[in-house]
Amino acid sequence: MKTIIPSMALLLFLLLSQSIHAQTKVDMSKFSSASYKAEWAKIDSFEQKGLPKSALAEVTSILEKARKDNNPTQLVKVLLHKAKYYETLEEEGRAASIRLLEEEVAKAIFPAKQLLHSVLGEIYQKELSNRYWRIRNRTEVEADENQEVDINLWSIGQFVEASFDHYIASLTEQEKLVGLPAFFFEPILQKGTEIKGLRPNTFDFLAHRAIDHFMDDRNYLPTPKEPFILDSPVLFSALTDFASAELESPVETAYKYQALLIMQQVLRVHIKEKNISALVDADLKRLKFVRSQSVLADKDEQYLKALQELAKKYDRHAVYGEIAYAMAAYHA
């Protein structure tokens, strides 16, 4: 895990580098697709000249235009840039940029709201990663009613809770996210090298971001009296059986538990949508994760058996190559 917190500019780069591919599935005529090229050209020019105040003024004008036009893609892009300029221009710029995004996510609507939640989840996690050694012995500071606690006074638990809550909130209105093609945010998400179709909708994109977060069971997370332990053979069961299994945890907020719950949601979506490539890609991710975290003595044998069953089921599909690669890696 990276230990250096990225600036808002770097966060923009990380988000813009996400791979995203999809096919049109819904009518999006209610959303504006205007790109505001002339306005962004001005902003680029101001940045090149080292004029962040002028760039901020232009971004603020686009923000109001994006709201009026109901243009969620540009709204998110504008807010991330505005937060970047706050870091540069405001006193306690980092905290100011986070406050800005918190205020905006509270009043945002679908689908900008969900993407902003995901962004904030990542921001809080990276903040904690950077601050950990300075705050590891800090206790939680309580605020008076209607008084906001300064983020610079937060404890580890407060950062963990904020990150957790935002990632979970990013997956609300699941059916609408599934119906929104992933390329909807293409203007702010650059195409990568992933095989087309593995992230066919916005729910996939956000769900995999959340899964990647919760799969990393960081060593500074508080250890509950009854931790969630991957000790059930059901976790290695066939794809459809796992997707419908009722998982239980003594602690609802356990990271590994949440990762598995979201994996189930992703699998159920692709079973319904009959997207084999995305389905198998997600299931391979599930099996690798379970193998790495399981405490079962025969977890390696269970993993190989699950791969063999998956290969048998999809031996005539193009995705078979990915399954065969996983089996070859097992034997290497």
C-alpha atoms as a PDB file:
ATOM      1  CA  MET A   1       0.000   0.000   0.000  1.00  0.00           C
ATOM      2  CA  LYS A   2       1.303   3.445  -0.885  1.00  0.00           C
ATOM      3  CA  THR A   3       2.263   5.525   2.093  1.00  0.00           C
ATOM      4  CA  ILE A   4       2.468   8.913   0.397  1.00  0.00           C
ATOM      5  CA  ILE A   5      -0.822  10.739   0.113  1.00  0.00           C
ATOM      6  CA  PRO A   6      -1.548  12.000  -3.382  1.00  0.00           C
ATOM      7  CA  SER A   7      -2.465  15.604  -3.958  1.00  0.00           C
ATOM      8  CA  MET A   8      -5.849  16.279  -5.534  1.00  0.00           C
ATOM      9  CA  ALA A   9      -4.006  16.597  -8.831  1.00  0.00           C
ATOM     10  CA  LEU A  10      -2.626  13.076  -8.465  1.00  0.00           C
ATOM     11  CA  LEU A  11      -6.033  11.762  -7.434  1.00  0.00           C
ATOM     12  CA  LEU A  12      -7.390  13.214 -10.658  1.00  0.00           C
ATOM     13  CA  PHE A  13      -4.698  11.338 -12.587  1.00  0.00           C
ATOM     14  CA  LEU A  14      -5.443   8.073 -10.782  1.00  0.00           C
ATOM     15  CA  LEU A  15      -9.152   8.368 -11.466  1.00  0.00           C
ATOM     16  CA  LEU A  16      -8.654   9.392 -15.083  1.00  0.00           C
ATOM     17  CA  SER A  17      -6.414   6.370 -15.624  1.00  0.00           C
ATOM     18  CA  GLN A  18      -9.130   3.838 -14.778  1.00  0.00           C
ATOM     19  CA  SER A  19     -10.013   1.505 -17.645  1.00  0.00           C
ATOM     20  CA  ILE A  20     -13.630   1.519 -18.684  1.00  0.00           C
ATOM     21  CA  HIS A  21     -15.474  -0.086 -21.592  1.00  0.00           C
ATOM     22  CA  ALA A  22     -19.108  -0.772 -22.303  1.00  0.00           C
ATOM     23  CA  GLN A  23     -21.974  -0.931 -24.751  1.00  0.00           C
ATOM     24  CA  THR A  24     -25.001   1.350 -24.782  1.00  0.00           C
ATOM     25  CA  LYS A  25     -27.820  -0.093 -22.671  1.00  0.00           C
ATOM     26  CA  VAL A  26     -30.089   2.810 -21.708  1.00  0.00           C
ATOM     27  CA  ASP A  27     -31.377   6.072 -23.096  1.00  0.00           C
ATOM     28  CA  MET A  28     -29.440   8.871 -21.445  1.00  0.00           C
ATOM     29  CA  SER A  29     -31.147  11.768 -23.191  1.00  0.00           C
ATOM     30  CA  LYS A  30     -32.061  13.364 -19.845  1.00  0.00           C
ATOM     31  CA  PHE A  31     -28.374  13.994 -19.210  1.00  0.00           C
ATOM     32  CA  SER A  32     -26.396  16.629 -21.051  1.00  0.00           C
ATOM     33  CA  SER A  33     -23.307  15.362 -22.868  1.00  0.00           C
ATOM     34  CA  ALA A  34     -21.794  18.787 -23.511  1.00  0.00           C
ATOM     35  CA  SER A  35     -18.016  18.722 -23.141  1.00  0.00           C
ATOM     36  CA  TYR A  36     -17.412  22.468 -22.583  1.00  0.00           C
ATOM     37  CA  LYS A  37     -14.284  22.298 -24.744  1.00  0.00           C
ATOM     38  CA  ALA A  38     -13.825  26.063 -24.985  1.00  0.00           C
ATOM     39  CA  GLU A  39     -14.028  26.498 -21.224  1.00  0.00           C
ATOM     40  CA  TRP A  40     -11.582  23.678 -20.530  1.00  0.00           C
ATOM     41  CA  ALA A  41      -9.180  25.125 -23.093  1.00  0.00           C
ATOM     42  CA  LYS A  42      -9.146  28.345 -21.048  1.00  0.00           C
ATOM     43  CA  ILE A  43      -8.489  26.384 -17.857  1.00  0.00           C
ATOM     44  CA  ASP A  44      -5.612  24.493 -19.478  1.00  0.00           C
ATOM     45  CA  SER A  45      -4.154  27.790 -20.613  1.00  0.00           C
ATOM     46  CA  PHE A  46      -4.391  29.284 -17.126  1.00  0.00           C
ATOM     47  CA  GLU A  47      -2.701  26.204 -15.645  1.00  0.00           C
ATOM     48  CA  GLN A  48       0.139  26.378 -18.155  1.00  0.00           C
ATOM     49  CA  LYS A  49       0.657  30.028 -17.231  1.00  0.00           C
ATOM     50  CA  GLY A  50       0.632  29.237 -13.508  1.00  0.00           C
ATOM     51  CA  LEU A  51      -2.585  31.142 -12.804  1.00  0.00           C
ATOM     52  CA  PRO A  52      -4.580  28.907 -10.426  1.00  0.00           C
ATOM     53  CA  LYS A  53      -6.879  31.766  -9.279  1.00  0.00           C
ATOM     54  CA  SER A  54      -7.982  32.408 -12.850  1.00  0.00           C
ATOM     55  CA  ALA A  55      -8.425  28.680 -13.429  1.00  0.00           C
ATOM     56  CA  LEU A  56     -10.541  28.427 -10.277  1.00  0.00           C
ATOM     57  CA  ALA A  57     -12.771  31.280 -11.433  1.00  0.00           C
ATOM     58  CA  GLU A  58     -13.360  29.567 -14.772  1.00  0.00           C
ATOM     59  CA  VAL A  59     -14.012  26.212 -13.109  1.00  0.00           C
ATOM     60  CA  THR A  60     -16.576  27.836 -10.816  1.00  0.00           C
ATOM     61  CA  SER A  61     -18.461  29.203 -13.812  1.00  0.00           C
ATOM     62  CA  ILE A  62     -18.514  25.750 -15.451  1.00  0.00           C
ATOM     63  CA  LEU A  63     -19.802  24.261 -12.209  1.00  0.00           C
ATOM     64  CA  GLU A  64     -22.970  26.313 -12.338  1.00  0.00           C
ATOM     65  CA  LYS A  65     -23.401  25.508 -16.012  1.00  0.00           C
ATOM     66  CA  ALA A  66     -23.019  21.776 -15.352  1.00  0.00           C
ATOM     67  CA  ARG A  67     -25.652  21.930 -12.613  1.00  0.00           C
ATOM     68  CA  LYS A  68     -28.091  23.795 -14.844  1.00  0.00           C
ATOM     69  CA  ASP A  69     -27.494  21.452 -17.799  1.00  0.00           C
ATOM     70  CA  ASN A  70     -27.768  18.300 -15.643  1.00  0.00           C
ATOM     71  CA  ASN A  71     -24.345  17.183 -16.815  1.00  0.00           C
ATOM     72  CA  PRO A  72     -23.032  14.802 -14.101  1.00  0.00           C
ATOM     73  CA  THR A  73     -19.863  13.878 -15.982  1.00  0.00           C
ATOM     74  CA  GLN A  74     -18.706  17.476 -16.213  1.00  0.00           C
ATOM     75  CA  LEU A  75     -19.957  18.162 -12.691  1.00  0.00           C
ATOM     76  CA  VAL A  76     -17.592  15.556 -11.240  1.00  0.00           C
ATOM     77  CA  LYS A  77     -14.710  16.724 -13.422  1.00  0.00           C
ATOM     78  CA  VAL A  78     -15.254  20.341 -12.348  1.00  0.00           C
ATOM     79  CA  LEU A  79     -15.468  19.486  -8.650  1.00  0.00           C
ATOM     80  CA  LEU A  80     -12.227  17.497  -8.730  1.00  0.00           C
ATOM     81  CA  HIS A  81     -10.461  20.395 -10.419  1.00  0.00           C
ATOM     82  CA  LYS A  82     -11.958  22.895  -7.992  1.00  0.00           C
ATOM     83  CA  ALA A  83     -10.745  20.766  -5.084  1.00  0.00           C
ATOM     84  CA  LYS A  84      -7.294  20.706  -6.665  1.00  0.00           C
ATOM     85  CA  TYR A  85      -7.161  24.497  -6.805  1.00  0.00           C
ATOM     86  CA  TYR A  86      -8.392  24.737  -3.206  1.00  0.00           C
ATOM     87  CA  GLU A  87      -5.349  22.718  -2.162  1.00  0.00           C
ATOM     88  CA  THR A  88      -3.117  25.291  -3.795  1.00  0.00           C
ATOM     89  CA  LEU A  89      -4.898  28.494  -2.843  1.00  0.00           C
ATOM     90  CA  GLU A  90      -6.660  27.928   0.487  1.00  0.00           C
ATOM     91  CA  GLU A  91      -5.157  27.919   3.971  1.00  0.00           C
ATOM     92  CA  GLU A  92      -5.244  24.284   5.128  1.00  0.00           C
ATOM     93  CA  GLY A  93      -5.908  23.530   1.480  1.00  0.00           C
ATOM     94  CA  ARG A  94      -6.153  19.764   1.818  1.00  0.00           C
ATOM     95  CA  ALA A  95      -8.858  19.966   4.463  1.00  0.00           C
ATOM     96  CA  ALA A  96     -10.635  22.679   2.449  1.00  0.00           C
ATOM     97  CA  SER A  97     -10.707  20.501  -0.668  1.00  0.00           C
ATOM     98  CA  ILE A  98     -12.184  17.586   1.286  1.00  0.00           C
ATOM     99  CA  ARG A  99     -14.831  19.829   2.874  1.00  0.00           C
ATOM    100  CA  LEU A 100     -15.773  21.013  -0.599  1.00  0.00           C
ATOM    101  CA  LEU A 101     -16.321  17.459  -1.845  1.00  0.00           C
ATOM    102  CA  GLU A 102     -18.254  16.524   1.311  1.00  0.00           C
ATOM    103  CA  GLU A 103     -20.575  19.495   0.837  1.00  0.00           C
ATOM    104  CA  GLU A 104     -21.073  18.651  -2.822  1.00  0.00           C
ATOM    105  CA  VAL A 105     -21.718  14.929  -2.353  1.00  0.00           C
ATOM    106  CA  ALA A 106     -24.406  15.772   0.205  1.00  0.00           C
ATOM    107  CA  LYS A 107     -26.437  17.674  -2.400  1.00  0.00           C
ATOM    108  CA  ALA A 108     -25.430  15.766  -5.537  1.00  0.00           C
ATOM    109  CA  ILE A 109     -27.855  13.431  -7.286  1.00  0.00           C
ATOM    110  CA  PHE A 110     -27.470  10.216  -9.269  1.00  0.00           C
ATOM    111  CA  PRO A 111     -25.024   9.350 -10.768  1.00  0.00           C
ATOM    112  CA  ALA A 112     -22.554  12.072  -9.767  1.00  0.00           C
ATOM    113  CA  LYS A 113     -23.321  11.335  -6.121  1.00  0.00           C
ATOM    114  CA  GLN A 114     -22.142   7.723  -6.345  1.00  0.00           C
ATOM    115  CA  LEU A 115     -18.887   8.569  -8.118  1.00  0.00           C
ATOM    116  CA  LEU A 116     -18.118  11.332  -5.611  1.00  0.00           C
ATOM    117  CA  HIS A 117     -18.730   8.898  -2.741  1.00  0.00           C
ATOM    118  CA  SER A 118     -16.221   6.501  -4.295  1.00  0.00           C
ATOM    119  CA  VAL A 119     -13.681   9.301  -4.709  1.00  0.00           C
ATOM    120  CA  LEU A 120     -14.097  10.378  -1.079  1.00  0.00           C
ATOM    121  CA  GLY A 121     -13.703   6.784   0.093  1.00  0.00           C
ATOM    122  CA  GLU A 122     -10.336   6.671  -1.640  1.00  0.00           C
ATOM    123  CA  ILE A 123      -9.308  10.089  -0.336  1.00  0.00           C
ATOM    124  CA  TYR A 124      -9.949   9.180   3.307  1.00  0.00           C
ATOM    125  CA  GLN A 125      -8.073   5.898   2.972  1.00  0.00           C
ATOM    126  CA  LYS A 126      -5.045   7.634   1.485  1.00  0.00           C
ATOM    127  CA  GLU A 127      -5.220  10.314   4.164  1.00  0.00           C
ATOM    128  CA  LEU A 128      -5.063   7.613   6.824  1.00  0.00           C
ATOM    129  CA  SER A 129      -2.213   5.844   5.070  1.00  0.00           C
ATOM    130  CA  ASN A 130      -0.197   9.045   5.103  1.00  0.00           C
ATOM    131  CA  ARG A 131      -1.036  10.037   8.694  1.00  0.00           C
ATOM    132  CA  TYR A 132      -0.980   6.614  10.357  1.00  0.00           C
ATOM    133  CA  TRP A 133       2.328   6.835  12.226  1.00  0.00           C
ATOM    134  CA  ARG A 134       1.465  10.296  13.554  1.00  0.00           C
ATOM    135  CA  ILE A 135      -2.015   9.421  14.817  1.00  0.00           C
ATOM    136  CA  ARG A 136      -1.756   5.729  15.759  1.00  0.00           C
ATOM    137  CA  ASN A 137      -2.118   6.487  19.489  1.00  0.00           C
ATOM    138  CA  ARG A 138      -4.734   9.203  19.120  1.00  0.00           C
ATOM    139  CA  THR A 139      -8.177   8.781  20.695  1.00  0.00           C
ATOM    140  CA  GLU A 140     -11.374   9.929  19.018  1.00  0.00           C
ATOM    141  CA  VAL A 141     -12.322  13.578  19.462  1.00  0.00           C
ATOM    142  CA  GLU A 142     -16.030  14.249  19.834  1.00  0.00           C
ATOM    143  CA  ALA A 143     -17.615  17.431  18.533  1.00  0.00           C
ATOM    144  CA  ASP A 144     -20.414  19.388  20.105  1.00  0.00           C
ATOM    145  CA  GLU A 145     -23.776  19.206  18.373  1.00  0.00           C
ATOM    146  CA  ASN A 146     -23.680  20.930  14.957  1.00  0.00           C
ATOM    147  CA  GLN A 147     -19.924  21.367  15.276  1.00  0.00           C
ATOM    148  CA  GLU A 148     -17.637  19.715  12.752  1.00  0.00           C
ATOM    149  CA  VAL A 149     -14.518  17.924  14.001  1.00  0.00           C
ATOM    150  CA  ASP A 150     -11.345  19.138  12.287  1.00  0.00           C
ATOM    151  CA  ILE A 151     -10.026  16.318  10.090  1.00  0.00           C
ATOM    152  CA  ASN A 152      -6.546  17.089  11.405  1.00  0.00           C
ATOM    153  CA  LEU A 153      -7.746  15.862  14.821  1.00  0.00           C
ATOM    154  CA  TRP A 154      -9.282  12.613  13.567  1.00  0.00           C
ATOM    155  CA  SER A 155      -8.378   9.223  14.983  1.00  0.00           C
ATOM    156  CA  ILE A 156      -7.683   6.101  12.926  1.00  0.00           C
ATOM    157  CA  GLY A 157     -11.206   4.891  13.602  1.00  0.00           C
ATOM    158  CA  GLN A 158     -12.758   8.058  12.203  1.00  0.00           C
ATOM    159  CA  PHE A 159     -10.803   7.772   8.954  1.00  0.00           C
ATOM    160  CA  VAL A 160     -11.703   4.081   8.636  1.00  0.00           C
ATOM    161  CA  GLU A 161     -15.384   4.801   9.251  1.00  0.00           C
ATOM    162  CA  ALA A 162     -15.488   7.672   6.753  1.00  0.00           C
ATOM    163  CA  SER A 163     -13.801   5.622   4.038  1.00  0.00           C
ATOM    164  CA  PHE A 164     -16.059   2.629   4.739  1.00  0.00           C
ATOM    165  CA  ASP A 165     -19.250   4.693   4.640  1.00  0.00           C
ATOM    166  CA  HIS A 166     -18.377   6.420   1.371  1.00  0.00           C
ATOM    167  CA  TYR A 167     -17.479   3.216  -0.471  1.00  0.00           C
ATOM    168  CA  ILE A 168     -20.742   1.597   0.650  1.00  0.00           C
ATOM    169  CA  ALA A 169     -22.704   4.726  -0.311  1.00  0.00           C
ATOM    170  CA  SER A 170     -21.132   4.644  -3.780  1.00  0.00           C
ATOM    171  CA  LEU A 171     -23.142   1.480  -4.536  1.00  0.00           C
ATOM    172  CA  THR A 172     -26.584   2.823  -3.666  1.00  0.00           C
ATOM    173  CA  GLU A 173     -29.293   2.766  -6.349  1.00  0.00           C
ATOM    174  CA  GLN A 174     -27.730  -0.385  -7.754  1.00  0.00           C
ATOM    175  CA  GLU A 175     -30.335  -1.052 -10.448  1.00  0.00           C
ATOM    176  CA  LYS A 176     -29.855   2.424 -11.896  1.00  0.00           C
ATOM    177  CA  LEU A 177     -26.071   2.024 -11.807  1.00  0.00           C
ATOM    178  CA  VAL A 178     -26.364  -1.307 -13.630  1.00  0.00           C
ATOM    179  CA  GLY A 179     -28.520   0.380 -16.265  1.00  0.00           C
ATOM    180  CA  LEU A 180     -25.976   3.146 -16.796  1.00  0.00           C
ATOM    181  CA  PRO A 181     -23.295   2.133 -19.328  1.00  0.00           C
ATOM    182  CA  ALA A 182     -19.765   2.512 -18.060  1.00  0.00           C
ATOM    183  CA  PHE A 183     -18.771   4.773 -20.920  1.00  0.00           C
ATOM    184  CA  PHE A 184     -21.091   7.424 -19.477  1.00  0.00           C
ATOM    185  CA  PHE A 185     -18.098   8.783 -17.551  1.00  0.00           C
ATOM    186  CA  GLU A 186     -15.713   8.235 -20.456  1.00  0.00           C
ATOM    187  CA  PRO A 187     -14.973  11.964 -20.813  1.00  0.00           C
ATOM    188  CA  ILE A 188     -13.183  11.804 -17.444  1.00  0.00           C
ATOM    189  CA  LEU A 189     -12.082   8.154 -17.562  1.00  0.00           C
ATOM    190  CA  GLN A 190      -9.433   7.325 -20.098  1.00  0.00           C
ATOM    191  CA  LYS A 191      -9.617   4.042 -21.961  1.00  0.00           C
ATOM    192  CA  GLY A 192      -7.127   1.433 -20.833  1.00  0.00           C
ATOM    193  CA  THR A 193      -6.030  -1.971 -21.979  1.00  0.00           C
ATOM    194  CA  GLU A 194      -8.734  -4.121 -20.377  1.00  0.00           C
ATOM    195  CA  ILE A 195     -10.622  -6.503 -22.623  1.00  0.00           C
ATOM    196  CA  LYS A 196     -13.837  -4.849 -23.713  1.00  0.00           C
ATOM    197  CA  GLY A 197     -16.844  -5.838 -21.650  1.00  0.00           C
ATOM    198  CA  LEU A 198     -15.281  -6.629 -18.253  1.00  0.00           C
ATOM    199  CA  ARG A 199     -16.754  -3.462 -16.727  1.00  0.00           C
ATOM    200  CA  PRO A 200     -19.938  -3.098 -18.768  1.00  0.00           C
ATOM    201  CA  ASN A 201     -21.799  -0.721 -16.470  1.00  0.00           C
ATOM    202  CA  THR A 202     -21.190   1.961 -13.866  1.00  0.00           C
ATOM    203  CA  PHE A 203     -22.077  -0.399 -11.023  1.00  0.00           C
ATOM    204  CA  ASP A 204     -19.231  -2.695 -12.124  1.00  0.00           C
ATOM    205  CA  PHE A 205     -16.764   0.156 -12.153  1.00  0.00           C
ATOM    206  CA  LEU A 206     -17.728   1.398  -8.689  1.00  0.00           C
ATOM    207  CA  ALA A 207     -18.171  -2.085  -7.211  1.00  0.00           C
ATOM    208  CA  HIS A 208     -14.688  -3.201  -8.234  1.00  0.00           C
ATOM    209  CA  ARG A 209     -13.232  -0.024  -6.728  1.00  0.00           C
ATOM    210  CA  ALA A 210     -15.002  -0.884  -3.468  1.00  0.00           C
ATOM    211  CA  ILE A 211     -13.948  -4.542  -3.639  1.00  0.00           C
ATOM    212  CA  ASP A 212     -10.306  -3.573  -4.139  1.00  0.00           C
ATOM    213  CA  HIS A 213     -10.563  -1.355  -1.069  1.00  0.00           C
ATOM    214  CA  PHE A 214     -12.139  -3.990   1.183  1.00  0.00           C
ATOM    215  CA  MET A 215      -9.876  -6.811   0.003  1.00  0.00           C
ATOM    216  CA  ASP A 216      -6.956  -4.977   1.588  1.00  0.00           C
ATOM    217  CA  ASP A 217      -7.455  -5.963   5.228  1.00  0.00           C
ATOM    218  CA  ARG A 218      -4.983  -3.459   6.617  1.00  0.00           C
ATOM    219  CA  ASN A 219      -3.048  -4.293   9.757  1.00  0.00           C
ATOM    220  CA  TYR A 220      -4.098  -1.095  11.551  1.00  0.00           C
ATOM    221  CA  LEU A 221      -7.808  -1.966  11.463  1.00  0.00           C
ATOM    222  CA  PRO A 222      -9.190  -2.646  14.946  1.00  0.00           C
ATOM    223  CA  THR A 223      -9.416  -6.363  15.731  1.00  0.00           C
ATOM    224  CA  PRO A 224     -12.906  -7.293  16.969  1.00  0.00           C
ATOM    225  CA  LYS A 225     -13.439  -9.867  19.707  1.00  0.00           C
ATOM    226  CA  GLU A 226     -15.061 -12.139  17.126  1.00  0.00           C
ATOM    227  CA  PRO A 227     -13.316 -11.487  13.797  1.00  0.00           C
ATOM    228  CA  PHE A 228     -14.650 -12.617  10.427  1.00  0.00           C
ATOM    229  CA  ILE A 229     -12.710 -15.722   9.429  1.00  0.00           C
ATOM    230  CA  LEU A 230     -12.826 -17.358   6.005  1.00  0.00           C
ATOM    231  CA  ASP A 231     -13.269 -20.911   7.241  1.00  0.00           C
ATOM    232  CA  SER A 232     -16.165 -22.166   5.125  1.00  0.00           C
ATOM    233  CA  PRO A 233     -15.859 -24.413   2.028  1.00  0.00           C
ATOM    234  CA  VAL A 234     -18.888 -22.530   0.662  1.00  0.00           C
ATOM    235  CA  LEU A 235     -16.560 -19.690  -0.258  1.00  0.00           C
ATOM    236  CA  PHE A 236     -14.945 -22.010  -2.837  1.00  0.00           C
ATOM    237  CA  SER A 237     -18.270 -23.300  -4.145  1.00  0.00           C
ATOM    238  CA  ALA A 238     -19.472 -23.083  -7.743  1.00  0.00           C
ATOM    239  CA  LEU A 239     -20.135 -19.618  -9.076  1.00  0.00           C
ATOM    240  CA  THR A 240     -23.926 -19.686  -8.840  1.00  0.00           C
ATOM    241  CA  ASP A 241     -23.858 -21.388  -5.419  1.00  0.00           C
ATOM    242  CA  PHE A 242     -21.525 -18.763  -3.986  1.00  0.00           C
ATOM    243  CA  ALA A 243     -23.550 -15.920  -5.482  1.00  0.00           C
ATOM    244  CA  SER A 244     -26.686 -17.100  -3.659  1.00  0.00           C
ATOM    245  CA  ALA A 245     -25.021 -18.178  -0.401  1.00  0.00           C
ATOM    246  CA  GLU A 246     -26.029 -16.417   2.818  1.00  0.00           C
ATOM    247  CA  LEU A 247     -22.800 -15.170   4.349  1.00  0.00           C
ATOM    248  CA  GLU A 248     -22.634 -14.203   7.989  1.00  0.00           C
ATOM    249  CA  SER A 249     -20.163 -12.247  10.056  1.00  0.00           C
ATOM    250  CA  PRO A 250     -20.060 -11.388  13.765  1.00  0.00           C
ATOM    251  CA  VAL A 251     -19.017  -7.893  12.658  1.00  0.00           C
ATOM    252  CA  GLU A 252     -20.888  -6.253   9.776  1.00  0.00           C
ATOM    253  CA  THR A 253     -18.049  -3.842   9.046  1.00  0.00           C
ATOM    254  CA  ALA A 254     -15.368  -6.534   8.608  1.00  0.00           C
ATOM    255  CA  TYR A 255     -13.468  -5.659   5.426  1.00  0.00           C
ATOM    256  CA  LYS A 256     -13.161  -9.217   4.107  1.00  0.00           C
ATOM    257  CA  TYR A 257     -16.856  -9.782   4.715  1.00  0.00           C
ATOM    258  CA  GLN A 258     -17.802  -6.635   2.812  1.00  0.00           C
ATOM    259  CA  ALA A 259     -15.519  -7.600  -0.087  1.00  0.00           C
ATOM    260  CA  LEU A 260     -17.307 -10.946  -0.407  1.00  0.00           C
ATOM    261  CA  LEU A 261     -20.771  -9.374  -0.154  1.00  0.00           C
ATOM    262  CA  ILE A 262     -20.003  -6.948  -2.975  1.00  0.00           C
ATOM    263  CA  MET A 263     -18.504  -9.780  -5.041  1.00  0.00           C
ATOM    264  CA  GLN A 264     -21.811 -11.607  -4.658  1.00  0.00           C
ATOM    265  CA  GLN A 265     -23.683  -8.551  -5.914  1.00  0.00           C
ATOM    266  CA  VAL A 266     -21.411  -8.289  -8.961  1.00  0.00           C
ATOM    267  CA  LEU A 267     -21.798 -11.982  -9.776  1.00  0.00           C
ATOM    268  CA  ARG A 268     -25.583 -11.843  -9.451  1.00  0.00           C
ATOM    269  CA  VAL A 269     -25.708  -8.891 -11.827  1.00  0.00           C
ATOM    270  CA  HIS A 270     -23.683 -10.709 -14.481  1.00  0.00           C
ATOM    271  CA  ILE A 271     -25.610 -13.949 -14.064  1.00  0.00           C
ATOM    272  CA  LYS A 272     -28.772 -11.971 -14.798  1.00  0.00           C
ATOM    273  CA  GLU A 273     -27.173  -9.993 -17.624  1.00  0.00           C
ATOM    274  CA  LYS A 274     -25.539 -13.162 -19.045  1.00  0.00           C
ATOM    275  CA  ASN A 275     -22.234 -11.385 -19.533  1.00  0.00           C
ATOM    276  CA  ILE A 276     -19.888 -14.387 -19.397  1.00  0.00           C
ATOM    277  CA  SER A 277     -16.622 -12.463 -19.738  1.00  0.00           C
ATOM    278  CA  ALA A 278     -17.399 -10.080 -16.882  1.00  0.00           C
ATOM    279  CA  LEU A 279     -18.886 -12.932 -14.834  1.00  0.00           C
ATOM    280  CA  VAL A 280     -15.829 -15.159 -15.039  1.00  0.00           C
ATOM    281  CA  ASP A 281     -13.455 -12.237 -14.530  1.00  0.00           C
ATOM    282  CA  ALA A 282     -15.244 -11.397 -11.261  1.00  0.00           C
ATOM    283  CA  ASP A 283     -15.352 -15.035 -10.170  1.00  0.00           C
ATOM    284  CA  LEU A 284     -11.628 -15.523 -10.730  1.00  0.00           C
ATOM    285  CA  LYS A 285     -11.077 -12.466  -8.558  1.00  0.00           C
ATOM    286  CA  ARG A 286     -13.284 -14.055  -5.878  1.00  0.00           C
ATOM    287  CA  LEU A 287     -11.458 -17.394  -5.942  1.00  0.00           C
ATOM    288  CA  LYS A 288      -8.002 -15.840  -5.771  1.00  0.00           C
ATOM    289  CA  PHE A 289      -9.062 -13.666  -2.855  1.00  0.00           C
ATOM    290  CA  VAL A 290     -10.644 -16.541  -0.930  1.00  0.00           C
ATOM    291  CA  ARG A 291      -7.568 -18.720  -1.465  1.00  0.00           C
ATOM    292  CA  SER A 292      -5.300 -15.968  -0.135  1.00  0.00           C
ATOM    293  CA  GLN A 293      -7.430 -15.398   2.992  1.00  0.00           C
ATOM    294  CA  SER A 294      -8.901 -18.817   3.794  1.00  0.00           C
ATOM    295  CA  VAL A 295      -7.768 -20.700   6.905  1.00  0.00           C
ATOM    296  CA  LEU A 296      -8.857 -24.093   5.542  1.00  0.00           C
ATOM    297  CA  ALA A 297      -6.092 -26.697   5.486  1.00  0.00           C
ATOM    298  CA  ASP A 298      -7.068 -27.820   1.982  1.00  0.00           C
ATOM    299  CA  LYS A 299      -7.625 -24.357   0.525  1.00  0.00           C
ATOM    300  CA  ASP A 300      -5.208 -24.970  -2.362  1.00  0.00           C
ATOM    301  CA  GLU A 301      -7.028 -28.148  -3.376  1.00  0.00           C
ATOM    302  CA  GLN A 302     -10.381 -26.372  -3.054  1.00  0.00           C
ATOM    303  CA  TYR A 303      -9.110 -23.527  -5.228  1.00  0.00           C
ATOM    304  CA  LEU A 304      -7.867 -25.843  -7.973  1.00  0.00           C
ATOM    305  CA  LYS A 305     -11.108 -27.825  -7.919  1.00  0.00           C
ATOM    306  CA  ALA A 306     -13.115 -24.618  -8.335  1.00  0.00           C
ATOM    307  CA  LEU A 307     -10.952 -23.563 -11.283  1.00  0.00           C
ATOM    308  CA  GLN A 308     -11.361 -26.960 -12.924  1.00  0.00           C
ATOM    309  CA  GLU A 309     -15.151 -26.769 -12.575  1.00  0.00           C
ATOM    310  CA  LEU A 310     -15.124 -23.272 -14.026  1.00  0.00           C
ATOM    311  CA  ALA A 311     -12.960 -24.415 -16.938  1.00  0.00           C
ATOM    312  CA  LYS A 312     -15.263 -27.336 -17.664  1.00  0.00           C
ATOM    313  CA  LYS A 313     -18.304 -25.065 -17.731  1.00  0.00           C
ATOM    314  CA  TYR A 314     -16.764 -22.500 -20.084  1.00  0.00           C
ATOM    315  CA  ASP A 315     -14.383 -24.643 -22.151  1.00  0.00           C
ATOM    316  CA  ARG A 316     -15.950 -23.420 -25.399  1.00  0.00           C
ATOM    317  CA  HIS A 317     -16.010 -19.741 -24.473  1.00  0.00           C
ATOM    318  CA  ALA A 318     -13.316 -17.169 -25.208  1.00  0.00           C
ATOM    319  CA  VAL A 319     -12.895 -16.603 -21.475  1.00  0.00           C
ATOM    320  CA  TYR A 320     -11.501 -20.131 -21.090  1.00  0.00           C
ATOM    321  CA  GLY A 321      -8.027 -18.732 -21.695  1.00  0.00           C
ATOM    322  CA  GLU A 322      -8.187 -16.690 -18.494  1.00  0.00           C
ATOM    323  CA  ILE A 323      -9.229 -19.743 -16.498  1.00  0.00           C
ATOM    324  CA  ALA A 324      -6.473 -21.844 -18.061  1.00  0.00           C
ATOM    325  CA  TYR A 325      -3.964 -19.140 -17.192  1.00  0.00           C
ATOM    326  CA  ALA A 326      -5.087 -19.206 -13.538  1.00  0.00           C
ATOM    327  CA  MET A 327      -4.653 -23.000 -13.453  1.00  0.00           C
ATOM    328  CA  ALA A 328      -1.207 -22.760 -15.054  1.00  0.00           C
ATOM    329  CA  ALA A 329      -0.202 -20.151 -12.462  1.00  0.00           C
ATOM    330  CA  TYR A 330      -1.349 -22.523  -9.722  1.00  0.00           C
ATOM    331  CA  HIS A 331       0.956 -25.292 -11.006  1.00  0.00           C
ATOM    332  CA  ALA A 332       3.906 -22.963 -11.663  1.00  0.00           C
END
